[in-house]
Amino acid sequence: MSELLPHPDPEVDAFEQALLRSLGQAKRGEHGRVSTPADIAARKRGRPVGSVKDSPKVQTAIRFDADVLAALKATGRGWQTRVNDAMREWVETHAA
């Protein structure tokens, strides 16, 4: 495998080095696993084993005024997490 001169942009250089390592792995037969249609059909539904947190979140329904919901969604991706964090903070500061 030939070595490239370092690229002035570190991001491009890192990409090129990773690409060369990947090509080397492919040449040596160390490539990733390929799923066959039978493998795909045999998969179970749901999340992979071990990927669920010890204390998973619970799905619930909550009603907001339309303008409040619109404002929350307008904050972009992650709005539900931010609402959860705000509610956690409120619960901690208003504990009985």
N, C-alpha and C. Protein backbone atom coordinates (compact mmCIF):
# COMPACT_ATOMS: atom_id res chain seq x y z
N MET A 1 0.86 -1.17 0.00
CA MET A 1 0.00 0.00 0.00
C MET A 1 0.90 1.23 0.00
N SER A 2 0.63 2.15 -0.89
CA SER A 2 1.46 3.34 -0.98
C SER A 2 0.97 4.38 0.02
N GLU A 3 1.91 5.11 0.56
CA GLU A 3 1.58 6.16 1.52
C GLU A 3 1.37 7.47 0.78
N LEU A 4 0.40 8.22 1.19
CA LEU A 4 0.14 9.53 0.62
C LEU A 4 0.87 10.59 1.43
N LEU A 5 1.20 11.67 0.79
CA LEU A 5 1.74 12.80 1.52
C LEU A 5 0.60 13.40 2.34
N PRO A 6 0.90 13.89 3.52
CA PRO A 6 -0.18 14.47 4.33
C PRO A 6 -0.86 15.63 3.61
N HIS A 7 -2.17 15.61 3.67
CA HIS A 7 -2.96 16.70 3.07
C HIS A 7 -2.92 17.89 4.03
N PRO A 8 -2.90 19.12 3.51
CA PRO A 8 -2.86 20.29 4.40
C PRO A 8 -4.08 20.39 5.33
N ASP A 9 -5.23 19.90 4.87
CA ASP A 9 -6.44 19.93 5.69
C ASP A 9 -6.46 18.66 6.54
N PRO A 10 -6.38 18.77 7.87
CA PRO A 10 -6.33 17.57 8.72
C PRO A 10 -7.52 16.65 8.55
N GLU A 11 -8.69 17.22 8.28
CA GLU A 11 -9.90 16.40 8.09
C GLU A 11 -9.77 15.53 6.84
N VAL A 12 -9.30 16.13 5.76
CA VAL A 12 -9.12 15.38 4.51
C VAL A 12 -8.03 14.34 4.70
N ASP A 13 -6.96 14.71 5.40
CA ASP A 13 -5.87 13.77 5.64
C ASP A 13 -6.37 12.57 6.44
N ALA A 14 -7.16 12.80 7.47
CA ALA A 14 -7.71 11.71 8.28
C ALA A 14 -8.60 10.81 7.43
N PHE A 15 -9.41 11.43 6.57
CA PHE A 15 -10.29 10.64 5.69
C PHE A 15 -9.46 9.77 4.75
N GLU A 16 -8.43 10.35 4.15
CA GLU A 16 -7.60 9.59 3.21
C GLU A 16 -6.92 8.41 3.92
N GLN A 17 -6.41 8.65 5.12
CA GLN A 17 -5.75 7.57 5.87
C GLN A 17 -6.75 6.46 6.21
N ALA A 18 -7.95 6.85 6.63
CA ALA A 18 -8.98 5.86 6.95
C ALA A 18 -9.38 5.06 5.71
N LEU A 19 -9.45 5.75 4.58
CA LEU A 19 -9.79 5.08 3.33
C LEU A 19 -8.72 4.07 2.95
N LEU A 20 -7.46 4.45 3.10
CA LEU A 20 -6.37 3.52 2.79
C LEU A 20 -6.41 2.30 3.72
N ARG A 21 -6.68 2.52 5.01
CA ARG A 21 -6.80 1.38 5.94
C ARG A 21 -7.95 0.47 5.53
N SER A 22 -9.06 1.08 5.14
CA SER A 22 -10.23 0.30 4.73
C SER A 22 -9.94 -0.53 3.49
N LEU A 23 -9.26 0.06 2.52
CA LEU A 23 -8.89 -0.67 1.30
C LEU A 23 -7.96 -1.82 1.64
N GLY A 24 -7.02 -1.58 2.54
CA GLY A 24 -6.11 -2.65 2.96
C GLY A 24 -6.85 -3.79 3.62
N GLN A 25 -7.82 -3.46 4.47
CA GLN A 25 -8.62 -4.49 5.12
C GLN A 25 -9.42 -5.29 4.10
N ALA A 26 -9.96 -4.61 3.11
CA ALA A 26 -10.73 -5.30 2.07
C ALA A 26 -9.84 -6.25 1.28
N LYS A 27 -8.62 -5.82 0.96
CA LYS A 27 -7.68 -6.67 0.22
C LYS A 27 -7.30 -7.92 1.03
N ARG A 28 -7.22 -7.77 2.34
CA ARG A 28 -6.85 -8.90 3.20
C ARG A 28 -8.06 -9.75 3.57
N GLY A 29 -9.24 -9.38 3.13
CA GLY A 29 -10.44 -10.14 3.42
C GLY A 29 -11.04 -9.82 4.77
N GLU A 30 -10.66 -8.70 5.34
CA GLU A 30 -11.16 -8.30 6.65
C GLU A 30 -12.34 -7.35 6.51
N HIS A 31 -13.15 -7.55 5.52
CA HIS A 31 -14.27 -6.64 5.28
C HIS A 31 -15.42 -6.93 6.22
N GLY A 32 -16.37 -6.03 6.26
CA GLY A 32 -17.52 -6.17 7.14
C GLY A 32 -18.43 -7.32 6.74
N ARG A 33 -19.30 -7.68 7.66
CA ARG A 33 -20.25 -8.76 7.43
C ARG A 33 -21.32 -8.33 6.44
N VAL A 34 -21.65 -9.21 5.53
CA VAL A 34 -22.69 -8.94 4.55
C VAL A 34 -23.93 -9.72 4.96
N SER A 35 -25.05 -9.04 5.09
CA SER A 35 -26.30 -9.70 5.47
C SER A 35 -27.00 -10.25 4.24
N THR A 36 -27.38 -11.50 4.33
CA THR A 36 -28.13 -12.13 3.25
C THR A 36 -29.61 -11.88 3.48
N PRO A 37 -30.45 -12.09 2.47
CA PRO A 37 -31.89 -11.95 2.68
C PRO A 37 -32.41 -12.85 3.80
N ALA A 38 -31.82 -14.04 3.96
CA ALA A 38 -32.25 -14.94 5.04
C ALA A 38 -31.88 -14.35 6.40
N ASP A 39 -30.70 -13.73 6.50
CA ASP A 39 -30.29 -13.07 7.75
C ASP A 39 -31.26 -11.95 8.10
N ILE A 40 -31.61 -11.17 7.11
CA ILE A 40 -32.51 -10.04 7.33
C ILE A 40 -33.88 -10.53 7.78
N ALA A 41 -34.39 -11.58 7.14
CA ALA A 41 -35.71 -12.12 7.48
C ALA A 41 -35.71 -12.73 8.88
N ALA A 42 -34.56 -13.25 9.34
CA ALA A 42 -34.49 -13.90 10.65
C ALA A 42 -34.38 -12.92 11.80
N ARG A 43 -34.12 -11.66 11.49
CA ARG A 43 -33.99 -10.67 12.56
C ARG A 43 -35.30 -10.50 13.30
N LYS A 44 -35.18 -10.31 14.61
CA LYS A 44 -36.37 -10.06 15.41
C LYS A 44 -36.68 -8.58 15.38
N ARG A 45 -37.95 -8.26 15.58
CA ARG A 45 -38.36 -6.86 15.61
C ARG A 45 -37.88 -6.19 16.89
N GLY A 46 -37.79 -4.89 16.85
CA GLY A 46 -37.45 -4.13 18.04
C GLY A 46 -35.98 -3.78 18.12
N ARG A 47 -35.61 -3.27 19.26
CA ARG A 47 -34.22 -2.83 19.46
C ARG A 47 -33.32 -4.03 19.71
N PRO A 48 -32.05 -3.91 19.31
CA PRO A 48 -31.10 -5.01 19.58
C PRO A 48 -30.93 -5.23 21.08
N VAL A 49 -30.65 -6.46 21.45
CA VAL A 49 -30.46 -6.81 22.85
C VAL A 49 -29.32 -5.96 23.42
N GLY A 50 -29.53 -5.41 24.59
CA GLY A 50 -28.51 -4.62 25.26
C GLY A 50 -28.50 -3.16 24.89
N SER A 51 -29.38 -2.75 23.99
CA SER A 51 -29.38 -1.35 23.56
C SER A 51 -30.37 -0.49 24.34
N VAL A 52 -31.08 -1.09 25.27
CA VAL A 52 -32.09 -0.36 26.03
C VAL A 52 -31.47 0.08 27.36
N LYS A 53 -31.73 1.33 27.74
CA LYS A 53 -31.19 1.87 28.99
C LYS A 53 -31.81 1.17 30.19
N ASP A 54 -31.09 1.24 31.32
CA ASP A 54 -31.60 0.65 32.56
C ASP A 54 -32.91 1.30 32.99
N SER A 55 -33.01 2.61 32.79
CA SER A 55 -34.25 3.31 33.15
C SER A 55 -34.78 4.01 31.90
N PRO A 56 -35.45 3.24 31.04
CA PRO A 56 -35.93 3.82 29.79
C PRO A 56 -37.03 4.86 30.02
N LYS A 57 -37.16 5.76 29.08
CA LYS A 57 -38.23 6.76 29.17
C LYS A 57 -39.57 6.08 28.91
N VAL A 58 -40.62 6.68 29.43
CA VAL A 58 -41.96 6.13 29.31
C VAL A 58 -42.75 7.02 28.36
N GLN A 59 -43.40 6.39 27.39
CA GLN A 59 -44.22 7.15 26.46
C GLN A 59 -45.52 7.55 27.14
N THR A 60 -45.93 8.78 26.92
CA THR A 60 -47.17 9.28 27.50
C THR A 60 -47.77 10.30 26.55
N ALA A 61 -48.98 10.68 26.83
CA ALA A 61 -49.63 11.73 26.04
C ALA A 61 -49.83 12.93 26.95
N ILE A 62 -49.53 14.10 26.46
CA ILE A 62 -49.71 15.32 27.22
C ILE A 62 -50.30 16.35 26.27
N ARG A 63 -51.18 17.17 26.79
CA ARG A 63 -51.84 18.17 25.95
C ARG A 63 -51.22 19.54 26.21
N PHE A 64 -50.83 20.22 25.12
CA PHE A 64 -50.31 21.57 25.17
C PHE A 64 -51.24 22.47 24.38
N ASP A 65 -51.28 23.74 24.72
CA ASP A 65 -51.96 24.70 23.87
C ASP A 65 -51.21 24.73 22.54
N ALA A 66 -51.94 24.98 21.46
CA ALA A 66 -51.35 24.94 20.12
C ALA A 66 -50.17 25.89 19.98
N ASP A 67 -50.28 27.09 20.56
CA ASP A 67 -49.19 28.06 20.43
C ASP A 67 -47.96 27.62 21.22
N VAL A 68 -48.16 26.96 22.36
CA VAL A 68 -47.04 26.46 23.16
C VAL A 68 -46.32 25.35 22.40
N LEU A 69 -47.08 24.42 21.85
CA LEU A 69 -46.49 23.32 21.10
C LEU A 69 -45.74 23.84 19.88
N ALA A 70 -46.33 24.79 19.18
CA ALA A 70 -45.66 25.37 18.01
C ALA A 70 -44.35 26.03 18.41
N ALA A 71 -44.34 26.73 19.54
CA ALA A 71 -43.11 27.39 20.00
C ALA A 71 -42.05 26.36 20.37
N LEU A 72 -42.46 25.28 21.01
CA LEU A 72 -41.51 24.23 21.38
C LEU A 72 -40.90 23.59 20.13
N LYS A 73 -41.75 23.23 19.18
CA LYS A 73 -41.27 22.60 17.95
C LYS A 73 -40.40 23.54 17.14
N ALA A 74 -40.66 24.83 17.25
CA ALA A 74 -39.89 25.82 16.49
C ALA A 74 -38.44 25.90 16.97
N THR A 75 -38.17 25.35 18.16
CA THR A 75 -36.79 25.37 18.66
C THR A 75 -35.92 24.32 17.97
N GLY A 76 -36.54 23.47 17.15
CA GLY A 76 -35.77 22.52 16.35
C GLY A 76 -35.69 21.14 16.96
N ARG A 77 -34.85 20.32 16.32
CA ARG A 77 -34.68 18.93 16.77
C ARG A 77 -34.27 18.90 18.23
N GLY A 78 -34.78 17.92 18.95
CA GLY A 78 -34.44 17.76 20.35
C GLY A 78 -35.38 18.50 21.29
N TRP A 79 -36.47 19.03 20.75
CA TRP A 79 -37.37 19.82 21.59
C TRP A 79 -37.97 18.97 22.71
N GLN A 80 -38.25 17.70 22.43
CA GLN A 80 -38.84 16.85 23.47
C GLN A 80 -37.84 16.61 24.61
N THR A 81 -36.58 16.45 24.27
CA THR A 81 -35.55 16.27 25.29
C THR A 81 -35.43 17.53 26.13
N ARG A 82 -35.49 18.70 25.48
CA ARG A 82 -35.42 19.95 26.23
C ARG A 82 -36.62 20.12 27.15
N VAL A 83 -37.81 19.72 26.71
CA VAL A 83 -38.99 19.78 27.57
C VAL A 83 -38.80 18.82 28.75
N ASN A 84 -38.28 17.62 28.50
CA ASN A 84 -38.03 16.66 29.58
C ASN A 84 -37.05 17.25 30.60
N ASP A 85 -35.98 17.88 30.12
CA ASP A 85 -34.99 18.48 31.02
C ASP A 85 -35.61 19.62 31.83
N ALA A 86 -36.44 20.43 31.19
CA ALA A 86 -37.10 21.54 31.90
C ALA A 86 -38.05 20.99 32.96
N MET A 87 -38.77 19.93 32.64
CA MET A 87 -39.69 19.34 33.61
C MET A 87 -38.92 18.72 34.76
N ARG A 88 -37.79 18.08 34.47
CA ARG A 88 -36.97 17.50 35.54
C ARG A 88 -36.48 18.60 36.48
N GLU A 89 -36.01 19.71 35.91
CA GLU A 89 -35.55 20.83 36.72
C GLU A 89 -36.68 21.38 37.59
N TRP A 90 -37.87 21.50 37.03
CA TRP A 90 -39.02 22.00 37.77
C TRP A 90 -39.35 21.06 38.93
N VAL A 91 -39.36 19.76 38.64
CA VAL A 91 -39.69 18.78 39.68
C VAL A 91 -38.66 18.84 40.81
N GLU A 92 -37.38 18.99 40.46
CA GLU A 92 -36.33 19.04 41.49
C GLU A 92 -36.42 20.30 42.34
N THR A 93 -36.81 21.42 41.74
CA THR A 93 -36.88 22.67 42.50
C THR A 93 -38.20 22.83 43.25
N HIS A 94 -39.20 22.03 42.90
CA HIS A 94 -40.51 22.14 43.54
C HIS A 94 -40.85 20.85 44.29
N ALA A 95 -39.84 20.16 44.77
CA ALA A 95 -40.08 18.90 45.49
C ALA A 95 -40.85 19.20 46.77
N ALA A 96 -41.73 18.28 47.09
CA ALA A 96 -42.59 18.47 48.29
C ALA A 96 -41.81 18.29 49.57
